[in-house]
Amino acid sequence: MTQELVDLRTSIIEKRYADALAIVDELEGMSKQAILRNIESYLRIMLIHLIKNQVEQRLTNSWVSSIRNSLREIQKVNLKENKKSYYVNRDEWETLILEEVIEDAIADASEEVFNGAYSQFKLSEIINRNELIQTALSFLYLTYSHAAKDLSAAVTRMLIELPGGEDWISKKQ
């Protein structure tokens, strides 16, 4: 990016505004790609823990923290600077999950589910993808409908509904 800034400065000084605008467009594209990679990373972490929950039918403090923190970060990163629009809109999550994230999440989860008892291929057969995606979407939609200060409580309410959620919360009381 440093070279792009040098080129941008040079283009402006030399009054080559069309070149400068092309560089600005390139920088915007690079920035958006970095943000989307960040979102995908948090989404993958959340999916890993939702897969573990679905297969093992339990919930741990660590998984809860990972899901909650992933959603909190997705909410922060997804909101554009204008505070009115998003990098990933509500109707784009399913495509993002299916095309960019789910296979890596399954591969990574295979190392953790029941201490690595399943290959990624076997785990892929075991999980209920539709249920996994619907659960993930329900959590992601919370990031649009709850303020940052209220998101944690909303996530916890949904976590209780997951397999093992009632056992997890009863240990906390």
N, C-alpha and C. Protein backbone atom coordinates (compact mmCIF):
# COMPACT_ATOMS: atom_id res chain seq x y z
N MET A 1 0.83 -1.19 0.00
CA MET A 1 0.00 0.00 0.00
C MET A 1 0.87 1.25 0.00
N THR A 2 2.06 1.17 0.55
CA THR A 2 2.95 2.33 0.59
C THR A 2 3.24 2.84 -0.82
N GLN A 3 3.51 1.91 -1.75
CA GLN A 3 3.79 2.31 -3.12
C GLN A 3 2.58 3.00 -3.75
N GLU A 4 1.40 2.51 -3.44
CA GLU A 4 0.19 3.13 -3.97
C GLU A 4 0.04 4.56 -3.47
N LEU A 5 0.38 4.80 -2.21
CA LEU A 5 0.30 6.16 -1.66
C LEU A 5 1.31 7.08 -2.31
N VAL A 6 2.50 6.57 -2.56
CA VAL A 6 3.53 7.37 -3.25
C VAL A 6 3.05 7.70 -4.65
N ASP A 7 2.50 6.71 -5.35
CA ASP A 7 1.98 6.94 -6.70
C ASP A 7 0.81 7.91 -6.68
N LEU A 8 -0.03 7.82 -5.67
CA LEU A 8 -1.16 8.74 -5.54
C LEU A 8 -0.66 10.17 -5.38
N ARG A 9 0.29 10.36 -4.48
CA ARG A 9 0.87 11.69 -4.25
C ARG A 9 1.47 12.24 -5.54
N THR A 10 2.23 11.41 -6.23
CA THR A 10 2.87 11.82 -7.48
C THR A 10 1.83 12.20 -8.52
N SER A 11 0.79 11.40 -8.64
CA SER A 11 -0.27 11.69 -9.61
C SER A 11 -0.95 13.02 -9.31
N ILE A 12 -1.18 13.30 -8.03
CA ILE A 12 -1.83 14.57 -7.66
C ILE A 12 -0.90 15.74 -7.94
N ILE A 13 0.35 15.60 -7.55
CA ILE A 13 1.32 16.69 -7.79
C ILE A 13 1.45 16.97 -9.27
N GLU A 14 1.46 15.92 -10.06
CA GLU A 14 1.60 16.08 -11.52
C GLU A 14 0.26 16.35 -12.21
N LYS A 15 -0.78 16.53 -11.42
CA LYS A 15 -2.12 16.85 -11.91
C LYS A 15 -2.68 15.79 -12.86
N ARG A 16 -2.32 14.55 -12.59
CA ARG A 16 -2.86 13.42 -13.35
C ARG A 16 -4.01 12.85 -12.51
N TYR A 17 -5.12 13.56 -12.52
CA TYR A 17 -6.23 13.24 -11.64
C TYR A 17 -6.91 11.91 -11.98
N ALA A 18 -6.97 11.58 -13.25
CA ALA A 18 -7.57 10.29 -13.63
C ALA A 18 -6.75 9.14 -13.04
N ASP A 19 -5.42 9.27 -13.10
CA ASP A 19 -4.54 8.25 -12.50
C ASP A 19 -4.73 8.21 -10.99
N ALA A 20 -4.85 9.39 -10.39
CA ALA A 20 -5.04 9.47 -8.94
C ALA A 20 -6.34 8.78 -8.53
N LEU A 21 -7.40 9.03 -9.27
CA LEU A 21 -8.69 8.39 -8.96
C LEU A 21 -8.62 6.88 -9.14
N ALA A 22 -7.88 6.42 -10.13
CA ALA A 22 -7.72 4.98 -10.34
C ALA A 22 -6.99 4.36 -9.15
N ILE A 23 -6.01 5.06 -8.62
CA ILE A 23 -5.27 4.57 -7.45
C ILE A 23 -6.18 4.56 -6.22
N VAL A 24 -7.00 5.60 -6.06
CA VAL A 24 -7.95 5.64 -4.95
C VAL A 24 -8.91 4.45 -5.05
N ASP A 25 -9.39 4.15 -6.24
CA ASP A 25 -10.28 3.00 -6.43
C ASP A 25 -9.56 1.70 -6.05
N GLU A 26 -8.31 1.58 -6.44
CA GLU A 26 -7.53 0.39 -6.10
C GLU A 26 -7.35 0.27 -4.59
N LEU A 27 -7.06 1.39 -3.93
CA LEU A 27 -6.91 1.38 -2.47
C LEU A 27 -8.21 1.00 -1.77
N GLU A 28 -9.33 1.53 -2.27
CA GLU A 28 -10.63 1.18 -1.70
C GLU A 28 -10.90 -0.31 -1.84
N GLY A 29 -10.57 -0.86 -3.00
CA GLY A 29 -10.75 -2.30 -3.23
C GLY A 29 -9.89 -3.12 -2.29
N MET A 30 -8.65 -2.71 -2.09
CA MET A 30 -7.76 -3.42 -1.18
C MET A 30 -8.29 -3.37 0.24
N SER A 31 -8.80 -2.22 0.64
CA SER A 31 -9.34 -2.05 1.98
C SER A 31 -10.57 -2.94 2.18
N LYS A 32 -11.46 -2.97 1.21
CA LYS A 32 -12.66 -3.79 1.31
C LYS A 32 -12.28 -5.27 1.38
N GLN A 33 -11.32 -5.69 0.59
CA GLN A 33 -10.88 -7.09 0.61
C GLN A 33 -10.32 -7.46 1.98
N ALA A 34 -9.56 -6.57 2.58
CA ALA A 34 -8.99 -6.83 3.90
C ALA A 34 -10.11 -6.95 4.94
N ILE A 35 -11.10 -6.11 4.85
CA ILE A 35 -12.23 -6.15 5.78
C ILE A 35 -13.01 -7.46 5.60
N LEU A 36 -13.26 -7.85 4.36
CA LEU A 36 -13.98 -9.09 4.11
C LEU A 36 -13.20 -10.31 4.60
N ARG A 37 -11.88 -10.31 4.44
CA ARG A 37 -11.06 -11.41 4.97
C ARG A 37 -11.18 -11.47 6.49
N ASN A 38 -11.20 -10.32 7.13
CA ASN A 38 -11.35 -10.24 8.58
C ASN A 38 -12.70 -10.81 9.01
N ILE A 39 -13.75 -10.41 8.33
CA ILE A 39 -15.10 -10.91 8.61
C ILE A 39 -15.14 -12.42 8.41
N GLU A 40 -14.58 -12.91 7.31
CA GLU A 40 -14.57 -14.35 7.03
C GLU A 40 -13.84 -15.11 8.12
N SER A 41 -12.78 -14.54 8.64
CA SER A 41 -12.02 -15.20 9.71
C SER A 41 -12.87 -15.38 10.96
N TYR A 42 -13.56 -14.32 11.37
CA TYR A 42 -14.44 -14.42 12.54
C TYR A 42 -15.62 -15.35 12.28
N LEU A 43 -16.13 -15.32 11.06
CA LEU A 43 -17.23 -16.20 10.70
C LEU A 43 -16.79 -17.66 10.76
N ARG A 44 -15.59 -17.95 10.30
CA ARG A 44 -15.06 -19.32 10.35
C ARG A 44 -14.94 -19.80 11.79
N ILE A 45 -14.45 -18.93 12.67
CA ILE A 45 -14.32 -19.29 14.09
C ILE A 45 -15.70 -19.60 14.68
N MET A 46 -16.68 -18.77 14.37
CA MET A 46 -18.02 -19.02 14.89
C MET A 46 -18.55 -20.35 14.36
N LEU A 47 -18.37 -20.62 13.08
CA LEU A 47 -18.87 -21.87 12.50
C LEU A 47 -18.19 -23.09 13.11
N ILE A 48 -16.90 -23.00 13.36
CA ILE A 48 -16.18 -24.12 13.99
C ILE A 48 -16.87 -24.50 15.29
N HIS A 49 -17.19 -23.50 16.10
CA HIS A 49 -17.79 -23.78 17.41
C HIS A 49 -19.25 -24.21 17.29
N LEU A 50 -19.94 -23.73 16.29
CA LEU A 50 -21.31 -24.20 16.06
C LEU A 50 -21.30 -25.65 15.56
N ILE A 51 -20.32 -26.01 14.77
CA ILE A 51 -20.17 -27.40 14.32
C ILE A 51 -19.90 -28.30 15.52
N LYS A 52 -18.96 -27.89 16.36
CA LYS A 52 -18.65 -28.69 17.55
C LYS A 52 -19.90 -28.86 18.41
N ASN A 53 -20.66 -27.80 18.57
CA ASN A 53 -21.89 -27.87 19.36
C ASN A 53 -22.88 -28.83 18.74
N GLN A 54 -23.05 -28.73 17.43
CA GLN A 54 -24.03 -29.59 16.75
C GLN A 54 -23.65 -31.06 16.87
N VAL A 55 -22.38 -31.38 16.70
CA VAL A 55 -21.97 -32.78 16.70
C VAL A 55 -21.85 -33.33 18.12
N GLU A 56 -21.27 -32.56 19.01
CA GLU A 56 -21.05 -33.06 20.38
C GLU A 56 -22.26 -32.85 21.29
N GLN A 57 -23.22 -32.02 20.83
CA GLN A 57 -24.44 -31.78 21.60
C GLN A 57 -24.16 -31.23 23.00
N ARG A 58 -23.19 -30.36 23.08
CA ARG A 58 -22.87 -29.71 24.34
C ARG A 58 -22.34 -28.32 24.05
N LEU A 59 -22.16 -27.56 25.11
CA LEU A 59 -21.68 -26.18 25.00
C LEU A 59 -20.69 -25.94 26.13
N THR A 60 -19.54 -25.37 25.81
CA THR A 60 -18.55 -25.07 26.84
C THR A 60 -18.36 -23.57 26.95
N ASN A 61 -17.76 -23.14 28.05
CA ASN A 61 -17.48 -21.72 28.24
C ASN A 61 -16.59 -21.18 27.11
N SER A 62 -15.63 -21.97 26.71
CA SER A 62 -14.73 -21.56 25.65
C SER A 62 -15.46 -21.36 24.32
N TRP A 63 -16.35 -22.28 23.99
CA TRP A 63 -17.10 -22.16 22.75
C TRP A 63 -18.01 -20.94 22.80
N VAL A 64 -18.65 -20.74 23.93
CA VAL A 64 -19.52 -19.58 24.11
C VAL A 64 -18.74 -18.29 23.89
N SER A 65 -17.57 -18.20 24.51
CA SER A 65 -16.74 -17.00 24.36
C SER A 65 -16.34 -16.78 22.91
N SER A 66 -15.98 -17.86 22.23
CA SER A 66 -15.57 -17.73 20.83
C SER A 66 -16.72 -17.27 19.94
N ILE A 67 -17.89 -17.83 20.15
CA ILE A 67 -19.06 -17.43 19.35
C ILE A 67 -19.41 -15.98 19.65
N ARG A 68 -19.49 -15.63 20.91
CA ARG A 68 -19.85 -14.27 21.31
C ARG A 68 -18.83 -13.25 20.79
N ASN A 69 -17.55 -13.55 20.97
CA ASN A 69 -16.50 -12.62 20.52
C ASN A 69 -16.48 -12.49 19.00
N SER A 70 -16.70 -13.60 18.31
CA SER A 70 -16.75 -13.54 16.84
C SER A 70 -17.87 -12.62 16.37
N LEU A 71 -19.03 -12.76 16.98
CA LEU A 71 -20.16 -11.92 16.59
C LEU A 71 -19.92 -10.46 16.93
N ARG A 72 -19.33 -10.21 18.06
CA ARG A 72 -19.02 -8.84 18.46
C ARG A 72 -18.07 -8.20 17.43
N GLU A 73 -17.05 -8.94 17.04
CA GLU A 73 -16.08 -8.42 16.07
C GLU A 73 -16.69 -8.27 14.68
N ILE A 74 -17.52 -9.23 14.28
CA ILE A 74 -18.20 -9.11 12.99
C ILE A 74 -19.06 -7.85 12.97
N GLN A 75 -19.77 -7.61 14.07
CA GLN A 75 -20.61 -6.41 14.13
C GLN A 75 -19.77 -5.14 13.96
N LYS A 76 -18.63 -5.08 14.64
CA LYS A 76 -17.76 -3.90 14.54
C LYS A 76 -17.20 -3.71 13.15
N VAL A 77 -16.65 -4.78 12.59
CA VAL A 77 -15.94 -4.69 11.32
C VAL A 77 -16.91 -4.52 10.15
N ASN A 78 -18.07 -5.11 10.25
CA ASN A 78 -19.02 -5.09 9.14
C ASN A 78 -19.66 -3.72 8.90
N LEU A 79 -19.77 -2.92 9.92
CA LEU A 79 -20.40 -1.60 9.79
C LEU A 79 -19.43 -0.62 9.13
N LYS A 80 -19.86 -0.05 8.04
CA LYS A 80 -19.00 0.91 7.32
C LYS A 80 -18.85 2.19 8.13
N GLU A 81 -17.88 2.99 7.76
CA GLU A 81 -17.59 4.22 8.51
C GLU A 81 -18.76 5.18 8.56
N ASN A 82 -19.64 5.13 7.57
CA ASN A 82 -20.79 6.03 7.58
C ASN A 82 -21.84 5.62 8.60
N LYS A 83 -21.64 4.43 9.24
CA LYS A 83 -22.53 3.90 10.28
C LYS A 83 -23.95 3.63 9.78
N LYS A 84 -24.12 3.59 8.46
CA LYS A 84 -25.44 3.38 7.89
C LYS A 84 -25.51 2.19 6.95
N SER A 85 -24.38 1.69 6.53
CA SER A 85 -24.38 0.56 5.61
C SER A 85 -23.32 -0.45 6.03
N TYR A 86 -23.37 -1.61 5.37
CA TYR A 86 -22.54 -2.74 5.79
C TYR A 86 -21.72 -3.27 4.63
N TYR A 87 -20.62 -3.90 4.95
CA TYR A 87 -19.82 -4.58 3.95
C TYR A 87 -20.51 -5.87 3.50
N VAL A 88 -21.13 -6.56 4.45
CA VAL A 88 -21.92 -7.76 4.14
C VAL A 88 -23.34 -7.49 4.60
N ASN A 89 -24.26 -7.46 3.65
CA ASN A 89 -25.67 -7.22 3.97
C ASN A 89 -26.34 -8.52 4.43
N ARG A 90 -27.47 -8.37 5.08
CA ARG A 90 -28.19 -9.53 5.63
C ARG A 90 -28.39 -10.64 4.61
N ASP A 91 -28.72 -10.27 3.39
CA ASP A 91 -29.04 -11.28 2.37
C ASP A 91 -27.80 -11.88 1.70
N GLU A 92 -26.61 -11.50 2.13
CA GLU A 92 -25.38 -12.00 1.52
C GLU A 92 -24.65 -13.04 2.37
N TRP A 93 -25.08 -13.25 3.61
CA TRP A 93 -24.37 -14.14 4.51
C TRP A 93 -24.36 -15.59 4.05
N GLU A 94 -25.51 -16.08 3.61
CA GLU A 94 -25.58 -17.49 3.23
C GLU A 94 -24.62 -17.79 2.09
N THR A 95 -24.58 -16.93 1.10
CA THR A 95 -23.66 -17.11 -0.01
C THR A 95 -22.21 -17.06 0.47
N LEU A 96 -21.90 -16.12 1.33
CA LEU A 96 -20.55 -16.01 1.87
C LEU A 96 -20.16 -17.29 2.62
N ILE A 97 -21.07 -17.78 3.44
CA ILE A 97 -20.80 -19.02 4.18
C ILE A 97 -20.55 -20.17 3.21
N LEU A 98 -21.45 -20.37 2.26
CA LEU A 98 -21.36 -21.50 1.35
C LEU A 98 -20.17 -21.42 0.41
N GLU A 99 -19.88 -20.24 -0.09
CA GLU A 99 -18.84 -20.11 -1.11
C GLU A 99 -17.44 -19.86 -0.55
N GLU A 100 -17.34 -19.31 0.64
CA GLU A 100 -16.03 -18.89 1.13
C GLU A 100 -15.58 -19.52 2.43
N VAL A 101 -16.50 -19.96 3.28
CA VAL A 101 -16.12 -20.24 4.66
C VAL A 101 -16.37 -21.67 5.13
N ILE A 102 -17.47 -22.27 4.74
CA ILE A 102 -17.91 -23.50 5.39
C ILE A 102 -16.92 -24.65 5.26
N GLU A 103 -16.31 -24.82 4.12
CA GLU A 103 -15.39 -25.95 3.94
C GLU A 103 -14.17 -25.82 4.84
N ASP A 104 -13.63 -24.62 4.97
CA ASP A 104 -12.49 -24.41 5.87
C ASP A 104 -12.91 -24.61 7.32
N ALA A 105 -14.10 -24.17 7.66
CA ALA A 105 -14.60 -24.36 9.03
C ALA A 105 -14.75 -25.84 9.36
N ILE A 106 -15.25 -26.61 8.42
CA ILE A 106 -15.39 -28.05 8.63
C ILE A 106 -14.02 -28.70 8.79
N ALA A 107 -13.09 -28.33 7.94
CA ALA A 107 -11.73 -28.90 8.02
C ALA A 107 -11.11 -28.57 9.38
N ASP A 108 -11.23 -27.33 9.82
CA ASP A 108 -10.65 -26.94 11.11
C ASP A 108 -11.39 -27.61 12.27
N ALA A 109 -12.70 -27.71 12.17
CA ALA A 109 -13.48 -28.33 13.24
C ALA A 109 -13.15 -29.81 13.36
N SER A 110 -12.79 -30.45 12.26
CA SER A 110 -12.49 -31.88 12.31
C SER A 110 -11.31 -32.18 13.23
N GLU A 111 -10.45 -31.20 13.43
CA GLU A 111 -9.31 -31.36 14.35
C GLU A 111 -9.75 -31.29 15.81
N GLU A 112 -10.94 -30.74 16.05
CA GLU A 112 -11.38 -30.48 17.42
C GLU A 112 -12.58 -31.32 17.87
N VAL A 113 -13.50 -31.64 16.96
CA VAL A 113 -14.69 -32.40 17.34
C VAL A 113 -14.26 -33.75 17.89
N PHE A 114 -14.72 -34.04 19.10
CA PHE A 114 -14.35 -35.29 19.77
C PHE A 114 -12.85 -35.56 19.64
N ASN A 115 -12.06 -34.49 19.88
CA ASN A 115 -10.59 -34.58 19.85
C ASN A 115 -10.04 -35.13 18.54
N GLY A 116 -10.63 -34.72 17.43
CA GLY A 116 -10.13 -35.10 16.12
C GLY A 116 -10.54 -36.48 15.66
N ALA A 117 -11.65 -36.99 16.17
CA ALA A 117 -12.09 -38.35 15.85
C ALA A 117 -12.53 -38.52 14.39
N TYR A 118 -12.89 -37.43 13.71
CA TYR A 118 -13.40 -37.52 12.35
C TYR A 118 -12.51 -36.76 11.38
N SER A 119 -12.36 -37.31 10.18
CA SER A 119 -11.71 -36.57 9.11
C SER A 119 -12.65 -35.46 8.68
N GLN A 120 -12.14 -34.50 7.95
CA GLN A 120 -13.01 -33.42 7.48
C GLN A 120 -14.09 -33.99 6.55
N PHE A 121 -13.79 -35.06 5.84
CA PHE A 121 -14.76 -35.65 4.92
C PHE A 121 -15.89 -36.34 5.69
N LYS A 122 -15.54 -37.08 6.73
CA LYS A 122 -16.55 -37.74 7.55
C LYS A 122 -17.39 -36.70 8.29
N LEU A 123 -16.73 -35.69 8.85
CA LEU A 123 -17.45 -34.63 9.56
C LEU A 123 -18.42 -33.92 8.61
N SER A 124 -17.99 -33.73 7.39
CA SER A 124 -18.85 -33.09 6.40
C SER A 124 -20.12 -33.90 6.15
N GLU A 125 -20.01 -35.22 6.24
CA GLU A 125 -21.18 -36.08 6.09
C GLU A 125 -22.07 -36.06 7.33
N ILE A 126 -21.46 -35.89 8.49
CA ILE A 126 -22.19 -35.97 9.76
C ILE A 126 -23.03 -34.73 10.04
N ILE A 127 -22.48 -33.57 9.74
CA ILE A 127 -23.17 -32.34 10.12
C ILE A 127 -24.42 -32.11 9.27
N ASN A 128 -25.35 -31.42 9.85
CA ASN A 128 -26.55 -30.99 9.15
C ASN A 128 -26.26 -29.56 8.67
N ARG A 129 -25.85 -29.43 7.42
CA ARG A 129 -25.45 -28.12 6.88
C ARG A 129 -26.57 -27.09 6.94
N ASN A 130 -27.78 -27.51 6.58
CA ASN A 130 -28.90 -26.56 6.59
C ASN A 130 -29.13 -26.01 7.99
N GLU A 131 -29.12 -26.89 8.97
CA GLU A 131 -29.31 -26.46 10.35
C GLU A 131 -28.16 -25.55 10.79
N LEU A 132 -26.94 -25.93 10.44
CA LEU A 132 -25.76 -25.13 10.79
C LEU A 132 -25.87 -23.72 10.20
N ILE A 133 -26.22 -23.64 8.94
CA ILE A 133 -26.33 -22.34 8.28
C ILE A 133 -27.45 -21.51 8.88
N GLN A 134 -28.59 -22.13 9.15
CA GLN A 134 -29.70 -21.39 9.75
C GLN A 134 -29.34 -20.87 11.14
N THR A 135 -28.64 -21.68 11.91
CA THR A 135 -28.20 -21.23 13.24
C THR A 135 -27.23 -20.07 13.10
N ALA A 136 -26.27 -20.20 12.20
CA ALA A 136 -25.30 -19.12 11.99
C ALA A 136 -25.99 -17.84 11.54
N LEU A 137 -26.94 -17.96 10.63
CA LEU A 137 -27.66 -16.78 10.15
C LEU A 137 -28.44 -16.12 11.29
N SER A 138 -29.05 -16.91 12.13
CA SER A 138 -29.80 -16.34 13.26
C SER A 138 -28.87 -15.52 14.16
N PHE A 139 -27.69 -16.04 14.41
CA PHE A 139 -26.73 -15.30 15.22
C PHE A 139 -26.27 -14.05 14.48
N LEU A 140 -25.95 -14.17 13.20
CA LEU A 140 -25.46 -13.02 12.42
C LEU A 140 -26.50 -11.91 12.34
N TYR A 141 -27.76 -12.27 12.23
CA TYR A 141 -28.82 -11.26 12.14
C TYR A 141 -28.91 -10.43 13.42
N LEU A 142 -28.49 -11.00 14.53
CA LEU A 142 -28.47 -10.23 15.78
C LEU A 142 -27.56 -9.01 15.66
N THR A 143 -26.53 -9.11 14.83
CA THR A 143 -25.58 -7.98 14.70
C THR A 143 -26.22 -6.77 14.02
N TYR A 144 -27.32 -6.99 13.34
CA TYR A 144 -28.04 -5.88 12.70
C TYR A 144 -29.12 -5.31 13.59
N SER A 145 -29.64 -6.12 14.48
CA SER A 145 -30.83 -5.71 15.25
C SER A 145 -30.53 -5.31 16.69
N HIS A 146 -29.28 -5.45 17.12
CA HIS A 146 -28.92 -5.11 18.50
C HIS A 146 -27.73 -4.16 18.54
N ALA A 147 -27.82 -3.20 19.42
CA ALA A 147 -26.69 -2.30 19.64
C ALA A 147 -25.55 -3.11 20.25
N ALA A 148 -24.34 -2.63 20.09
CA ALA A 148 -23.16 -3.33 20.60
C ALA A 148 -23.31 -3.67 22.08
N LYS A 149 -23.85 -2.75 22.85
CA LYS A 149 -23.97 -2.98 24.30
C LYS A 149 -24.99 -4.06 24.64
N ASP A 150 -25.92 -4.36 23.73
CA ASP A 150 -26.95 -5.36 23.97
C ASP A 150 -26.69 -6.69 23.27
N LEU A 151 -25.68 -6.72 22.40
CA LEU A 151 -25.44 -7.92 21.60
C LEU A 151 -25.09 -9.13 22.44
N SER A 152 -24.24 -8.96 23.42
CA SER A 152 -23.80 -10.08 24.25
C SER A 152 -24.98 -10.79 24.91
N ALA A 153 -25.91 -10.04 25.48
CA ALA A 153 -27.07 -10.64 26.13
C ALA A 153 -27.96 -11.36 25.12
N ALA A 154 -28.13 -10.77 23.94
CA ALA A 154 -28.95 -11.41 22.91
C ALA A 154 -28.31 -12.72 22.44
N VAL A 155 -27.00 -12.71 22.29
CA VAL A 155 -26.29 -13.93 21.89
C VAL A 155 -26.44 -15.00 22.96
N THR A 156 -26.29 -14.62 24.21
CA THR A 156 -26.42 -15.58 25.30
C THR A 156 -27.81 -16.21 25.32
N ARG A 157 -28.85 -15.41 25.08
CA ARG A 157 -30.21 -15.95 25.04
C ARG A 157 -30.34 -17.01 23.94
N MET A 158 -29.69 -16.78 22.81
CA MET A 158 -29.74 -17.76 21.72
C MET A 158 -28.88 -18.98 22.03
N LEU A 159 -27.75 -18.76 22.69
CA LEU A 159 -26.87 -19.88 23.03
C LEU A 159 -27.57 -20.88 23.94
N ILE A 160 -28.39 -20.39 24.82
CA ILE A 160 -29.13 -21.25 25.74
C ILE A 160 -30.02 -22.22 24.97
N GLU A 161 -30.48 -21.81 23.80
CA GLU A 161 -31.36 -22.65 22.98
C GLU A 161 -30.61 -23.73 22.21
N LEU A 162 -29.28 -23.64 22.14
CA LEU A 162 -28.50 -24.65 21.42
C LEU A 162 -28.44 -25.95 22.23
N PRO A 163 -28.12 -27.06 21.58
CA PRO A 163 -27.93 -28.31 22.33
C PRO A 163 -26.89 -28.12 23.44
N GLY A 164 -27.27 -28.51 24.64
CA GLY A 164 -26.38 -28.34 25.79
C GLY A 164 -26.41 -26.95 26.39
N GLY A 165 -27.18 -26.06 25.82
CA GLY A 165 -27.24 -24.68 26.29
C GLY A 165 -27.83 -24.55 27.68
N GLU A 166 -28.87 -25.31 27.94
CA GLU A 166 -29.49 -25.24 29.27
C GLU A 166 -28.55 -25.80 30.34
N ASP A 167 -27.82 -26.87 30.01
CA ASP A 167 -26.84 -27.40 30.96
C ASP A 167 -25.73 -26.38 31.22
N TRP A 168 -25.29 -25.74 30.14
CA TRP A 168 -24.22 -24.74 30.27
C TRP A 168 -24.65 -23.60 31.19
N ILE A 169 -25.86 -23.07 30.96
CA ILE A 169 -26.31 -21.93 31.75
C ILE A 169 -26.61 -22.34 33.18
N SER A 170 -27.09 -23.56 33.39
CA SER A 170 -27.40 -23.99 34.76
C SER A 170 -26.12 -24.10 35.60
N LYS A 171 -25.00 -24.40 34.98
CA LYS A 171 -23.72 -24.46 35.70
C LYS A 171 -23.25 -23.06 36.10
N LYS A 172 -23.75 -22.04 35.41
CA LYS A 172 -23.33 -20.67 35.64
C LYS A 172 -24.12 -20.04 36.80
N GLN A 173 -25.26 -20.63 37.17
CA GLN A 173 -26.13 -19.99 38.16
C GLN A 173 -25.83 -20.41 39.55
